Amino acid sequence: QVQLEEAGGGSVQAGSSLRLSCAASGFTFTSYSIAWFRQAPGKEREFIASIKWSGTIAYYADSLKGRFTISRDNAKNMVTLQMDTLGPEDTANYYCAKVREPFINSRDPEQYDYWGQGTQVTVSS
């Protein structure tokens, strides 16, 4: 069955970096875009970045572009999210997700059908 498992969250000081990973299994990884979203308490789920099945093209939320970098290793069925210069506003639960259909890309969480359990990132000032 489809599984997505995030790792790499934690508690850090403002200005620090973290690298999140998403291990995928149970589907043809090389056919699907994967995205990262985050959700802070009391807020809606927010798109961070997505990367196409080939790994050649990535899309970012405008507010996060430049600090966050998404990449994927199709040989390892893994997607990573490098997060730099973190601030308290980045505190949230971070999720990776698989897009519903092959060979499409989307920023809309409704277009993603499988989600990991999330990994918490807490940034203190």
Foldseek 3Di string as FASTA:
>chain_A
DWAKAKDWADEEEAQAKTKMKIAIDDDQQLFWKKFKWWDAPPDDIFTAKIAASPQPDMDGDPVQPPQWDWGDDSVRRMIMIIGGRDDQVPWTWMKMFIFQDTPDDDRDPVRTDDIHPTDTHGYHD
